[in-house]
């Protein structure tokens, strides 16, 4: 039963029935509805912000898991990349130097992905972008690994030929010189004994009595054996392979013939003073890839460090050459 309200009318001095106009009723209803809607919106907004739905919780959990997995993969890829970089450096700086092989340029190895920049982008990446980034990183490492495998295959071949290469590299003195008293003139600018002017001396002069044996300093094939009228007199040029050649000048007599294979330590002739020479000696040159190099650095089978230091000082003196 609807409750009826009364109020005391001071004008009529009597109680009268309280009646609310329809307009007021409508305004009250609209006000209540508006307040309810605003309150509901506020509650829903707070709920969505601080109390995610079950589906949202699932998606957030999955996203966190994916980000954690990506971070782990990125960390693992970073460690692999660092290890591969160390292998590449050892390959270029050690192994290929030992075998005198050209280093592999960085352009042939897939360049590293800037991992620090990648991780900063992770928070804004979609799952698809994350997946593509991981695939790109793995492809990058795979390309570098393939190049490194090929390089190590080459080095394996170098190792197989290393014994032959070492035997074919000049490593002893061309004449017996255990007391180091036979080095007469070194490599570099020297006074010419005939013209008395400064000229480039492309080898070492070993003074020795005529008839002293001259030895091949490494395995190879005699390319020249005889007197070609070029100032070296009777001389021998040995092609050792691997870019090395040696020349032995001013011999009294040549023992080997052109095309003959010789071994390190084998007698190839005897000291003399033929050609442009002012006294019995062996003029010895080492050529690498067609260019003369200082022979002083190719006696490591003969000399101790102390002896090498002595010979280095003797060869460096600015004296007159024998040829």
C-alpha atoms as a PDB file:
ATOM      1  CA  UNK A   1       0.000   0.000   0.000  1.00  0.00           C
ATOM      2  CA  UNK A   2       1.357   3.336  -1.079  1.00  0.00           C
ATOM      3  CA  UNK A   3       2.196   5.631   1.798  1.00  0.00           C
ATOM      4  CA  UNK A   4       0.485   9.044   1.573  1.00  0.00           C
ATOM      5  CA  UNK A   5       2.361  12.068   2.876  1.00  0.00           C
ATOM      6  CA  UNK A   6       0.749  15.214   4.338  1.00  0.00           C
ATOM      7  CA  UNK A   7       2.083  18.627   5.179  1.00  0.00           C
ATOM      8  CA  UNK A   8       0.717  21.510   7.294  1.00  0.00           C
ATOM      9  CA  UNK A   9      -0.375  24.476   5.204  1.00  0.00           C
ATOM     10  CA  UNK A  10       0.142  27.663   7.233  1.00  0.00           C
ATOM     11  CA  UNK A  11      -2.109  29.607   4.912  1.00  0.00           C
ATOM     12  CA  UNK A  12      -5.134  27.418   5.369  1.00  0.00           C
ATOM     13  CA  UNK A  13      -4.161  26.216   8.833  1.00  0.00           C
ATOM     14  CA  UNK A  14      -4.892  22.671   7.952  1.00  0.00           C
ATOM     15  CA  UNK A  15      -3.113  19.454   6.851  1.00  0.00           C
ATOM     16  CA  UNK A  16      -3.097  18.883   3.161  1.00  0.00           C
ATOM     17  CA  UNK A  17      -2.043  15.990   0.963  1.00  0.00           C
ATOM     18  CA  UNK A  18       1.538  16.311  -0.452  1.00  0.00           C
ATOM     19  CA  UNK A  19       1.553  15.851  -4.184  1.00  0.00           C
ATOM     20  CA  UNK A  20       4.810  15.910  -6.271  1.00  0.00           C
ATOM     21  CA  UNK A  21       4.511  17.385  -9.782  1.00  0.00           C
ATOM     22  CA  UNK A  22       5.267  15.051 -12.695  1.00  0.00           C
ATOM     23  CA  UNK A  23       8.073  17.308 -13.934  1.00  0.00           C
ATOM     24  CA  UNK A  24       9.900  17.011 -10.634  1.00  0.00           C
ATOM     25  CA  UNK A  25       9.438  13.274 -10.628  1.00  0.00           C
ATOM     26  CA  UNK A  26      10.912  13.017 -14.105  1.00  0.00           C
ATOM     27  CA  UNK A  27      13.879  15.183 -13.161  1.00  0.00           C
ATOM     28  CA  UNK A  28      14.550  13.035 -10.124  1.00  0.00           C
ATOM     29  CA  UNK A  29      14.427   9.841 -12.197  1.00  0.00           C
ATOM     30  CA  UNK A  30      16.738  11.277 -14.842  1.00  0.00           C
ATOM     31  CA  UNK A  31      19.173  12.492 -12.187  1.00  0.00           C
ATOM     32  CA  UNK A  32      19.243   9.067 -10.577  1.00  0.00           C
ATOM     33  CA  UNK A  33      19.803   7.326 -13.887  1.00  0.00           C
ATOM     34  CA  UNK A  34      22.588   9.753 -14.849  1.00  0.00           C
ATOM     35  CA  UNK A  35      24.327   9.294 -11.514  1.00  0.00           C
ATOM     36  CA  UNK A  36      24.034   5.515 -11.861  1.00  0.00           C
ATOM     37  CA  UNK A  37      25.493   5.570 -15.372  1.00  0.00           C
ATOM     38  CA  UNK A  38      28.445   7.780 -14.344  1.00  0.00           C
ATOM     39  CA  UNK A  39      29.093   5.613 -11.305  1.00  0.00           C
ATOM     40  CA  UNK A  40      28.937   2.477 -13.428  1.00  0.00           C
ATOM     41  CA  UNK A  41      31.379   3.940 -15.957  1.00  0.00           C
ATOM     42  CA  UNK A  42      33.803   4.850 -13.195  1.00  0.00           C
ATOM     43  CA  UNK A  43      33.545   1.385 -11.668  1.00  0.00           C
ATOM     44  CA  UNK A  44      34.004  -0.317 -15.059  1.00  0.00           C
ATOM     45  CA  UNK A  45      37.006   1.895 -15.916  1.00  0.00           C
ATOM     46  CA  UNK A  46      38.683   1.092 -12.609  1.00  0.00           C
ATOM     47  CA  UNK A  47      37.862  -2.563 -12.997  1.00  0.00           C
ATOM     48  CA  UNK A  48      39.344  -2.727 -16.525  1.00  0.00           C
ATOM     49  CA  UNK A  49      42.428  -0.888 -15.426  1.00  0.00           C
ATOM     50  CA  UNK A  50      43.213  -2.649 -12.189  1.00  0.00           C
ATOM     51  CA  UNK A  51      41.211  -5.857 -12.443  1.00  0.00           C
ATOM     52  CA  UNK A  52      41.733  -7.429 -15.910  1.00  0.00           C
ATOM     53  CA  UNK A  53      39.373 -10.049 -17.112  1.00  0.00           C
ATOM     54  CA  UNK A  54      40.263 -13.730 -17.211  1.00  0.00           C
ATOM     55  CA  UNK A  55      40.989 -13.517 -20.939  1.00  0.00           C
ATOM     56  CA  UNK A  56      43.155 -10.433 -20.459  1.00  0.00           C
ATOM     57  CA  UNK A  57      45.008 -12.112 -17.622  1.00  0.00           C
ATOM     58  CA  UNK A  58      45.691 -15.051 -19.906  1.00  0.00           C
ATOM     59  CA  UNK A  59      46.946 -12.780 -22.691  1.00  0.00           C
ATOM     60  CA  UNK A  60      49.129 -10.780 -20.289  1.00  0.00           C
ATOM     61  CA  UNK A  61      50.611 -13.963 -18.872  1.00  0.00           C
ATOM     62  CA  UNK A  62      51.285 -15.271 -22.362  1.00  0.00           C
ATOM     63  CA  UNK A  63      52.883 -11.979 -23.389  1.00  0.00           C
ATOM     64  CA  UNK A  64      55.131 -11.969 -20.330  1.00  0.00           C
ATOM     65  CA  UNK A  65      56.125 -15.550 -21.070  1.00  0.00           C
ATOM     66  CA  UNK A  66      56.957 -14.684 -24.681  1.00  0.00           C
ATOM     67  CA  UNK A  67      58.995 -11.667 -23.632  1.00  0.00           C
ATOM     68  CA  UNK A  68      60.878 -13.785 -21.107  1.00  0.00           C
ATOM     69  CA  UNK A  69      61.527 -16.430 -23.749  1.00  0.00           C
ATOM     70  CA  UNK A  70      62.716 -13.792 -26.199  1.00  0.00           C
ATOM     71  CA  UNK A  71      65.026 -12.316 -23.557  1.00  0.00           C
ATOM     72  CA  UNK A  72      66.468 -15.783 -22.871  1.00  0.00           C
ATOM     73  CA  UNK A  73      66.897 -16.462 -26.587  1.00  0.00           C
ATOM     74  CA  UNK A  74      68.420 -13.056 -27.116  1.00  0.00           C
ATOM     75  CA  UNK A  75      70.851 -13.674 -24.253  1.00  0.00           C
ATOM     76  CA  UNK A  76      71.752 -17.104 -25.640  1.00  0.00           C
ATOM     77  CA  UNK A  77      72.188 -15.669 -29.142  1.00  0.00           C
ATOM     78  CA  UNK A  78      74.399 -12.941 -27.681  1.00  0.00           C
ATOM     79  CA  UNK A  79      76.647 -15.517 -26.019  1.00  0.00           C
ATOM     80  CA  UNK A  80      76.826 -17.557 -29.224  1.00  0.00           C
ATOM     81  CA  UNK A  81      77.621 -14.418 -31.198  1.00  0.00           C
ATOM     82  CA  UNK A  82      80.414 -13.510 -28.760  1.00  0.00           C
ATOM     83  CA  UNK A  83      81.908 -17.003 -28.967  1.00  0.00           C
ATOM     84  CA  UNK A  84      81.678 -16.926 -32.746  1.00  0.00           C
ATOM     85  CA  UNK A  85      83.341 -13.516 -32.796  1.00  0.00           C
ATOM     86  CA  UNK A  86      86.235 -14.903 -30.749  1.00  0.00           C
ATOM     87  CA  UNK A  87      86.555 -17.828 -33.186  1.00  0.00           C
ATOM     88  CA  UNK A  88      86.543 -15.416 -36.124  1.00  0.00           C
ATOM     89  CA  UNK A  89      89.267 -13.304 -34.498  1.00  0.00           C
ATOM     90  CA  UNK A  90      91.387 -16.384 -33.744  1.00  0.00           C
ATOM     91  CA  UNK A  91      90.826 -17.530 -37.315  1.00  0.00           C
ATOM     92  CA  UNK A  92      91.995 -14.241 -38.841  1.00  0.00           C
ATOM     93  CA  UNK A  93      94.603 -13.177 -36.280  1.00  0.00           C
ATOM     94  CA  UNK A  94      96.220 -16.521 -35.415  1.00  0.00           C
ATOM     95  CA  UNK A  95      95.419 -19.479 -37.642  1.00  0.00           C
ATOM     96  CA  UNK A  96      95.504 -17.677 -40.969  1.00  0.00           C
ATOM     97  CA  UNK A  97      98.601 -15.704 -39.934  1.00  0.00           C
ATOM     98  CA  UNK A  98     100.406 -18.968 -39.141  1.00  0.00           C
ATOM     99  CA  UNK A  99      99.602 -20.326 -42.592  1.00  0.00           C
ATOM    100  CA  UNK A 100     100.106 -16.920 -44.279  1.00  0.00           C
ATOM    101  CA  UNK A 101      96.583 -17.033 -45.663  1.00  0.00           C
ATOM    102  CA  UNK A 102      94.510 -13.954 -46.371  1.00  0.00           C
ATOM    103  CA  UNK A 103      91.991 -13.179 -43.597  1.00  0.00           C
ATOM    104  CA  UNK A 104      88.304 -13.543 -44.357  1.00  0.00           C
ATOM    105  CA  UNK A 105      86.815 -10.038 -44.749  1.00  0.00           C
ATOM    106  CA  UNK A 106      83.938  -9.128 -42.461  1.00  0.00           C
ATOM    107  CA  UNK A 107      81.774  -8.497 -45.520  1.00  0.00           C
ATOM    108  CA  UNK A 108      81.697 -12.223 -46.280  1.00  0.00           C
ATOM    109  CA  UNK A 109      80.466 -13.006 -42.785  1.00  0.00           C
ATOM    110  CA  UNK A 110      76.923 -11.940 -41.956  1.00  0.00           C
ATOM    111  CA  UNK A 111      77.141  -8.878 -39.737  1.00  0.00           C
ATOM    112  CA  UNK A 112      75.942  -9.037 -36.148  1.00  0.00           C
ATOM    113  CA  UNK A 113      72.478  -7.744 -35.302  1.00  0.00           C
ATOM    114  CA  UNK A 114      72.532  -4.808 -32.896  1.00  0.00           C
ATOM    115  CA  UNK A 115      71.123  -6.734 -29.955  1.00  0.00           C
ATOM    116  CA  UNK A 116      70.920  -3.840 -27.501  1.00  0.00           C
ATOM    117  CA  UNK A 117      68.754  -1.853 -29.915  1.00  0.00           C
ATOM    118  CA  UNK A 118      66.611  -4.919 -30.486  1.00  0.00           C
ATOM    119  CA  UNK A 119      65.784  -5.377 -26.820  1.00  0.00           C
ATOM    120  CA  UNK A 120      64.690  -1.758 -26.525  1.00  0.00           C
ATOM    121  CA  UNK A 121      62.221  -2.446 -29.331  1.00  0.00           C
ATOM    122  CA  UNK A 122      60.852  -5.623 -27.754  1.00  0.00           C
ATOM    123  CA  UNK A 123      58.191  -3.900 -25.667  1.00  0.00           C
ATOM    124  CA  UNK A 124      56.660  -2.365 -28.793  1.00  0.00           C
ATOM    125  CA  UNK A 125      56.871  -5.514 -30.933  1.00  0.00           C
ATOM    126  CA  UNK A 126      54.002  -7.804 -31.744  1.00  0.00           C
ATOM    127  CA  UNK A 127      54.419 -11.552 -31.398  1.00  0.00           C
ATOM    128  CA  UNK A 128      54.942 -11.782 -35.147  1.00  0.00           C
ATOM    129  CA  UNK A 129      57.654  -9.104 -35.055  1.00  0.00           C
ATOM    130  CA  UNK A 130      59.369 -10.856 -32.152  1.00  0.00           C
ATOM    131  CA  UNK A 131      59.301 -14.108 -34.074  1.00  0.00           C
ATOM    132  CA  UNK A 132      60.768 -12.433 -37.178  1.00  0.00           C
ATOM    133  CA  UNK A 133      63.491 -10.814 -35.085  1.00  0.00           C
ATOM    134  CA  UNK A 134      64.489 -14.158 -33.555  1.00  0.00           C
ATOM    135  CA  UNK A 135      64.495 -15.825 -36.969  1.00  0.00           C
ATOM    136  CA  UNK A 136      66.672 -13.021 -38.338  1.00  0.00           C
ATOM    137  CA  UNK A 137      69.154 -13.409 -35.472  1.00  0.00           C
ATOM    138  CA  UNK A 138      69.335 -17.177 -35.926  1.00  0.00           C
ATOM    139  CA  UNK A 139      69.781 -16.797 -39.701  1.00  0.00           C
ATOM    140  CA  UNK A 140      72.572 -14.316 -39.048  1.00  0.00           C
ATOM    141  CA  UNK A 141      74.363 -16.768 -36.757  1.00  0.00           C
ATOM    142  CA  UNK A 142      73.774 -19.612 -39.200  1.00  0.00           C
ATOM    143  CA  UNK A 143      75.375 -17.622 -42.041  1.00  0.00           C
ATOM    144  CA  UNK A 144      78.393 -16.777 -39.905  1.00  0.00           C
ATOM    145  CA  UNK A 145      78.709 -20.412 -38.796  1.00  0.00           C
ATOM    146  CA  UNK A 146      78.634 -21.563 -42.431  1.00  0.00           C
ATOM    147  CA  UNK A 147      81.428 -19.157 -43.333  1.00  0.00           C
ATOM    148  CA  UNK A 148      83.426 -20.240 -40.294  1.00  0.00           C
ATOM    149  CA  UNK A 149      82.972 -23.926 -41.194  1.00  0.00           C
ATOM    150  CA  UNK A 150      84.297 -23.193 -44.686  1.00  0.00           C
ATOM    151  CA  UNK A 151      87.249 -21.316 -43.202  1.00  0.00           C
ATOM    152  CA  UNK A 152      88.149 -24.172 -40.873  1.00  0.00           C
ATOM    153  CA  UNK A 153      87.902 -26.572 -43.815  1.00  0.00           C
ATOM    154  CA  UNK A 154      90.528 -24.427 -45.555  1.00  0.00           C
ATOM    155  CA  UNK A 155      92.687 -24.412 -42.436  1.00  0.00           C
ATOM    156  CA  UNK A 156      92.433 -28.218 -42.266  1.00  0.00           C
ATOM    157  CA  UNK A 157      93.931 -28.302 -45.742  1.00  0.00           C
ATOM    158  CA  UNK A 158      96.627 -25.856 -44.629  1.00  0.00           C
ATOM    159  CA  UNK A 159      97.478 -28.136 -41.714  1.00  0.00           C
ATOM    160  CA  UNK A 160      97.713 -31.131 -44.040  1.00  0.00           C
ATOM    161  CA  UNK A 161     100.239 -29.172 -46.127  1.00  0.00           C
ATOM    162  CA  UNK A 162     101.980 -27.502 -43.181  1.00  0.00           C
ATOM    163  CA  UNK A 163     104.832 -30.007 -42.980  1.00  0.00           C
ATOM    164  CA  UNK A 164     105.568 -29.541 -46.661  1.00  0.00           C
ATOM    165  CA  UNK A 165     105.195 -25.779 -46.307  1.00  0.00           C
ATOM    166  CA  UNK A 166     107.654 -25.625 -43.390  1.00  0.00           C
ATOM    167  CA  UNK A 167     110.158 -27.779 -45.291  1.00  0.00           C
ATOM    168  CA  UNK A 168     109.816 -25.387 -48.240  1.00  0.00           C
ATOM    169  CA  UNK A 169     110.337 -22.218 -46.193  1.00  0.00           C
ATOM    170  CA  UNK A 170     113.957 -20.938 -45.979  1.00  0.00           C
ATOM    171  CA  UNK A 171     115.162 -21.627 -42.442  1.00  0.00           C
ATOM    172  CA  UNK A 172     118.962 -22.109 -42.343  1.00  0.00           C
ATOM    173  CA  UNK A 173     122.081 -20.219 -43.409  1.00  0.00           C
ATOM    174  CA  UNK A 174     123.445 -21.052 -46.867  1.00  0.00           C
ATOM    175  CA  UNK A 175     126.978 -21.673 -45.520  1.00  0.00           C
ATOM    176  CA  UNK A 176     128.259 -23.154 -42.291  1.00  0.00           C
ATOM    177  CA  UNK A 177     128.443 -20.196 -39.886  1.00  0.00           C
ATOM    178  CA  UNK A 178     128.059 -21.458 -36.325  1.00  0.00           C
ATOM    179  CA  UNK A 179     130.413 -18.787 -34.923  1.00  0.00           C
ATOM    180  CA  UNK A 180     128.582 -16.009 -36.848  1.00  0.00           C
ATOM    181  CA  UNK A 181     131.865 -14.594 -38.199  1.00  0.00           C
ATOM    182  CA  UNK A 182     131.011 -14.910 -41.878  1.00  0.00           C
ATOM    183  CA  UNK A 183     128.328 -12.219 -42.197  1.00  0.00           C
ATOM    184  CA  UNK A 184     130.125  -9.564 -44.227  1.00  0.00           C
ATOM    185  CA  UNK A 185     127.339  -7.295 -45.442  1.00  0.00           C
ATOM    186  CA  UNK A 186     123.656  -7.033 -44.691  1.00  0.00           C
ATOM    187  CA  UNK A 187     120.391  -6.213 -46.448  1.00  0.00           C
ATOM    188  CA  UNK A 188     119.656  -2.577 -47.337  1.00  0.00           C
ATOM    189  CA  UNK A 189     121.550   0.458 -48.605  1.00  0.00           C
ATOM    190  CA  UNK A 190     125.285  -0.294 -48.797  1.00  0.00           C
ATOM    191  CA  UNK A 191     128.407   1.112 -50.489  1.00  0.00           C
ATOM    192  CA  UNK A 192     128.965  -0.545 -53.868  1.00  0.00           C
ATOM    193  CA  UNK A 193     132.504  -2.020 -53.958  1.00  0.00           C
ATOM    194  CA  UNK A 194     133.016  -1.097 -57.626  1.00  0.00           C
ATOM    195  CA  UNK A 195     131.210   2.233 -58.070  1.00  0.00           C
ATOM    196  CA  UNK A 196     131.659   3.428 -54.453  1.00  0.00           C
ATOM    197  CA  UNK A 197     128.120   4.794 -54.369  1.00  0.00           C
ATOM    198  CA  UNK A 198     125.202   3.948 -52.102  1.00  0.00           C
ATOM    199  CA  UNK A 199     123.115   1.189 -53.699  1.00  0.00           C
ATOM    200  CA  UNK A 200     120.425  -1.155 -52.463  1.00  0.00           C
ATOM    201  CA  UNK A 201     121.845  -4.532 -51.462  1.00  0.00           C
ATOM    202  CA  UNK A 202     119.058  -7.104 -51.788  1.00  0.00           C
ATOM    203  CA  UNK A 203     120.658  -9.879 -49.755  1.00  0.00           C
ATOM    204  CA  UNK A 204     123.324 -10.998 -47.279  1.00  0.00           C
ATOM    205  CA  UNK A 205     127.005 -11.578 -48.101  1.00  0.00           C
ATOM    206  CA  UNK A 206     128.665 -14.514 -46.334  1.00  0.00           C
ATOM    207  CA  UNK A 207     132.456 -14.343 -46.661  1.00  0.00           C
ATOM    208  CA  UNK A 208     134.106 -17.773 -46.898  1.00  0.00           C
ATOM    209  CA  UNK A 209     137.118 -19.399 -48.523  1.00  0.00           C
ATOM    210  CA  UNK A 210     136.700 -20.490 -52.119  1.00  0.00           C
ATOM    211  CA  UNK A 211     135.325 -24.024 -52.278  1.00  0.00           C
ATOM    212  CA  UNK A 212     133.243 -23.737 -49.103  1.00  0.00           C
ATOM    213  CA  UNK A 213     129.990 -25.727 -49.592  1.00  0.00           C
ATOM    214  CA  UNK A 214     126.772 -23.784 -50.177  1.00  0.00           C
ATOM    215  CA  UNK A 215     123.548 -25.415 -48.976  1.00  0.00           C
ATOM    216  CA  UNK A 216     119.934 -25.137 -50.125  1.00  0.00           C
ATOM    217  CA  UNK A 217     118.061 -23.439 -47.306  1.00  0.00           C
ATOM    218  CA  UNK A 218     114.739 -25.207 -48.004  1.00  0.00           C
ATOM    219  CA  UNK A 219     113.214 -27.855 -50.242  1.00  0.00           C
ATOM    220  CA  UNK A 220     112.456 -26.799 -53.795  1.00  0.00           C
ATOM    221  CA  UNK A 221     113.301 -27.016 -57.480  1.00  0.00           C
ATOM    222  CA  UNK A 222     116.303 -25.285 -59.069  1.00  0.00           C
ATOM    223  CA  UNK A 223     114.899 -22.757 -61.523  1.00  0.00           C
ATOM    224  CA  UNK A 224     118.257 -21.311 -62.603  1.00  0.00           C
ATOM    225  CA  UNK A 225     121.707 -22.932 -62.431  1.00  0.00           C
ATOM    226  CA  UNK A 226     124.621 -21.263 -64.212  1.00  0.00           C
ATOM    227  CA  UNK A 227     125.948 -17.880 -65.346  1.00  0.00           C
ATOM    228  CA  UNK A 228     123.431 -15.632 -67.117  1.00  0.00           C
ATOM    229  CA  UNK A 229     125.716 -12.573 -67.293  1.00  0.00           C
ATOM    230  CA  UNK A 230     123.589 -10.616 -64.811  1.00  0.00           C
ATOM    231  CA  UNK A 231     126.374  -9.893 -62.307  1.00  0.00           C
ATOM    232  CA  UNK A 232     125.649 -12.861 -60.046  1.00  0.00           C
ATOM    233  CA  UNK A 233     128.206 -15.020 -61.866  1.00  0.00           C
ATOM    234  CA  UNK A 234     127.609 -18.711 -61.385  1.00  0.00           C
ATOM    235  CA  UNK A 235     124.440 -18.755 -59.354  1.00  0.00           C
ATOM    236  CA  UNK A 236     121.432 -20.854 -58.438  1.00  0.00           C
ATOM    237  CA  UNK A 237     117.818 -19.765 -58.003  1.00  0.00           C
ATOM    238  CA  UNK A 238     115.559 -22.234 -56.181  1.00  0.00           C
ATOM    239  CA  UNK A 239     111.780 -22.069 -56.370  1.00  0.00           C
ATOM    240  CA  UNK A 240     110.431 -23.377 -53.056  1.00  0.00           C
ATOM    241  CA  UNK A 241     106.746 -22.848 -53.733  1.00  0.00           C
ATOM    242  CA  UNK A 242     104.388 -20.947 -51.409  1.00  0.00           C
ATOM    243  CA  UNK A 243     105.727 -17.725 -52.930  1.00  0.00           C
ATOM    244  CA  UNK A 244     109.365 -18.279 -51.832  1.00  0.00           C
ATOM    245  CA  UNK A 245     112.511 -18.206 -53.963  1.00  0.00           C
ATOM    246  CA  UNK A 246     116.176 -18.060 -52.897  1.00  0.00           C
ATOM    247  CA  UNK A 247     119.252 -16.960 -54.848  1.00  0.00           C
ATOM    248  CA  UNK A 248     122.852 -18.049 -54.220  1.00  0.00           C
ATOM    249  CA  UNK A 249     125.403 -15.957 -56.151  1.00  0.00           C
ATOM    250  CA  UNK A 250     129.077 -15.847 -57.222  1.00  0.00           C
ATOM    251  CA  UNK A 251     129.698 -19.604 -56.967  1.00  0.00           C
ATOM    252  CA  UNK A 252     133.022 -21.120 -57.974  1.00  0.00           C
ATOM    253  CA  UNK A 253     131.097 -24.110 -59.305  1.00  0.00           C
ATOM    254  CA  UNK A 254     127.428 -25.057 -59.516  1.00  0.00           C
ATOM    255  CA  UNK A 255     126.490 -28.608 -58.570  1.00  0.00           C
ATOM    256  CA  UNK A 256     122.775 -28.762 -59.444  1.00  0.00           C
ATOM    257  CA  UNK A 257     120.973 -28.405 -62.762  1.00  0.00           C
ATOM    258  CA  UNK A 258     117.897 -26.404 -63.694  1.00  0.00           C
ATOM    259  CA  UNK A 259     114.779 -28.441 -62.984  1.00  0.00           C
ATOM    260  CA  UNK A 260     116.489 -30.557 -60.335  1.00  0.00           C
ATOM    261  CA  UNK A 261     114.648 -31.075 -57.042  1.00  0.00           C
ATOM    262  CA  UNK A 262     116.737 -30.308 -53.945  1.00  0.00           C
ATOM    263  CA  UNK A 263     116.244 -30.670 -50.201  1.00  0.00           C
ATOM    264  CA  UNK A 264     117.175 -28.386 -47.338  1.00  0.00           C
ATOM    265  CA  UNK A 265     120.827 -28.864 -46.387  1.00  0.00           C
ATOM    266  CA  UNK A 266     121.804 -30.350 -49.756  1.00  0.00           C
ATOM    267  CA  UNK A 267     124.995 -28.956 -51.324  1.00  0.00           C
ATOM    268  CA  UNK A 268     124.120 -26.990 -54.468  1.00  0.00           C
ATOM    269  CA  UNK A 269     127.533 -25.445 -55.200  1.00  0.00           C
ATOM    270  CA  UNK A 270     130.720 -23.984 -53.756  1.00  0.00           C
ATOM    271  CA  UNK A 271     131.753 -20.471 -52.745  1.00  0.00           C
ATOM    272  CA  UNK A 272     133.618 -18.478 -55.379  1.00  0.00           C
ATOM    273  CA  UNK A 273     134.030 -14.947 -56.725  1.00  0.00           C
ATOM    274  CA  UNK A 274     132.507 -15.085 -60.200  1.00  0.00           C
ATOM    275  CA  UNK A 275     130.508 -12.222 -61.707  1.00  0.00           C
ATOM    276  CA  UNK A 276     130.535  -8.761 -60.126  1.00  0.00           C
ATOM    277  CA  UNK A 277     132.402  -9.703 -56.957  1.00  0.00           C
ATOM    278  CA  UNK A 278     135.423  -8.360 -55.046  1.00  0.00           C
ATOM    279  CA  UNK A 279     136.222 -11.516 -53.114  1.00  0.00           C
ATOM    280  CA  UNK A 280     135.084 -15.076 -52.380  1.00  0.00           C
ATOM    281  CA  UNK A 281     131.661 -15.008 -50.771  1.00  0.00           C
ATOM    282  CA  UNK A 282     128.096 -16.270 -51.095  1.00  0.00           C
ATOM    283  CA  UNK A 283     125.526 -13.632 -51.948  1.00  0.00           C
ATOM    284  CA  UNK A 284     122.202 -14.904 -50.593  1.00  0.00           C
ATOM    285  CA  UNK A 285     118.729 -13.498 -51.299  1.00  0.00           C
ATOM    286  CA  UNK A 286     115.221 -14.491 -50.226  1.00  0.00           C
ATOM    287  CA  UNK A 287     112.256 -13.450 -52.371  1.00  0.00           C
ATOM    288  CA  UNK A 288     108.624 -13.581 -51.257  1.00  0.00           C
ATOM    289  CA  UNK A 289     105.991 -13.236 -53.973  1.00  0.00           C
ATOM    290  CA  UNK A 290     108.595 -11.799 -56.345  1.00  0.00           C
ATOM    291  CA  UNK A 291     109.980  -9.197 -53.940  1.00  0.00           C
ATOM    292  CA  UNK A 292     113.270  -9.366 -52.013  1.00  0.00           C
ATOM    293  CA  UNK A 293     112.958  -9.591 -48.221  1.00  0.00           C
ATOM    294  CA  UNK A 294     115.631  -9.468 -45.529  1.00  0.00           C
ATOM    295  CA  UNK A 295     117.132 -12.998 -45.261  1.00  0.00           C
ATOM    296  CA  UNK A 296     118.072 -12.332 -41.621  1.00  0.00           C
ATOM    297  CA  UNK A 297     114.558 -13.386 -40.595  1.00  0.00           C
ATOM    298  CA  UNK A 298     114.873 -16.842 -42.193  1.00  0.00           C
ATOM    299  CA  UNK A 299     117.520 -18.495 -40.018  1.00  0.00           C
ATOM    300  CA  UNK A 300     115.299 -19.649 -37.159  1.00  0.00           C
ATOM    301  CA  UNK A 301     116.429 -23.294 -37.487  1.00  0.00           C
ATOM    302  CA  UNK A 302     120.064 -22.259 -37.022  1.00  0.00           C
ATOM    303  CA  UNK A 303     120.113 -19.559 -34.375  1.00  0.00           C
ATOM    304  CA  UNK A 304     119.265 -19.111 -30.712  1.00  0.00           C
ATOM    305  CA  UNK A 305     117.637 -15.805 -29.720  1.00  0.00           C
ATOM    306  CA  UNK A 306     121.036 -14.528 -28.503  1.00  0.00           C
ATOM    307  CA  UNK A 307     122.733 -15.514 -31.767  1.00  0.00           C
ATOM    308  CA  UNK A 308     119.961 -13.950 -33.805  1.00  0.00           C
ATOM    309  CA  UNK A 309     120.396 -10.686 -31.895  1.00  0.00           C
ATOM    310  CA  UNK A 310     124.137 -10.721 -32.612  1.00  0.00           C
ATOM    311  CA  UNK A 311     123.613 -11.459 -36.296  1.00  0.00           C
ATOM    312  CA  UNK A 312     120.970  -8.739 -36.545  1.00  0.00           C
ATOM    313  CA  UNK A 313     123.455  -6.155 -35.226  1.00  0.00           C
ATOM    314  CA  UNK A 314     126.231  -7.387 -37.525  1.00  0.00           C
ATOM    315  CA  UNK A 315     124.013  -7.337 -40.616  1.00  0.00           C
ATOM    316  CA  UNK A 316     122.742  -3.839 -39.785  1.00  0.00           C
ATOM    317  CA  UNK A 317     126.207  -2.241 -39.876  1.00  0.00           C
ATOM    318  CA  UNK A 318     126.602   0.189 -42.790  1.00  0.00           C
ATOM    319  CA  UNK A 319     129.649  -1.413 -44.430  1.00  0.00           C
ATOM    320  CA  UNK A 320     130.698  -2.074 -48.002  1.00  0.00           C
ATOM    321  CA  UNK A 321     129.163  -5.052 -49.793  1.00  0.00           C
ATOM    322  CA  UNK A 322     131.175  -7.684 -51.691  1.00  0.00           C
ATOM    323  CA  UNK A 323     129.132  -7.286 -54.903  1.00  0.00           C
END
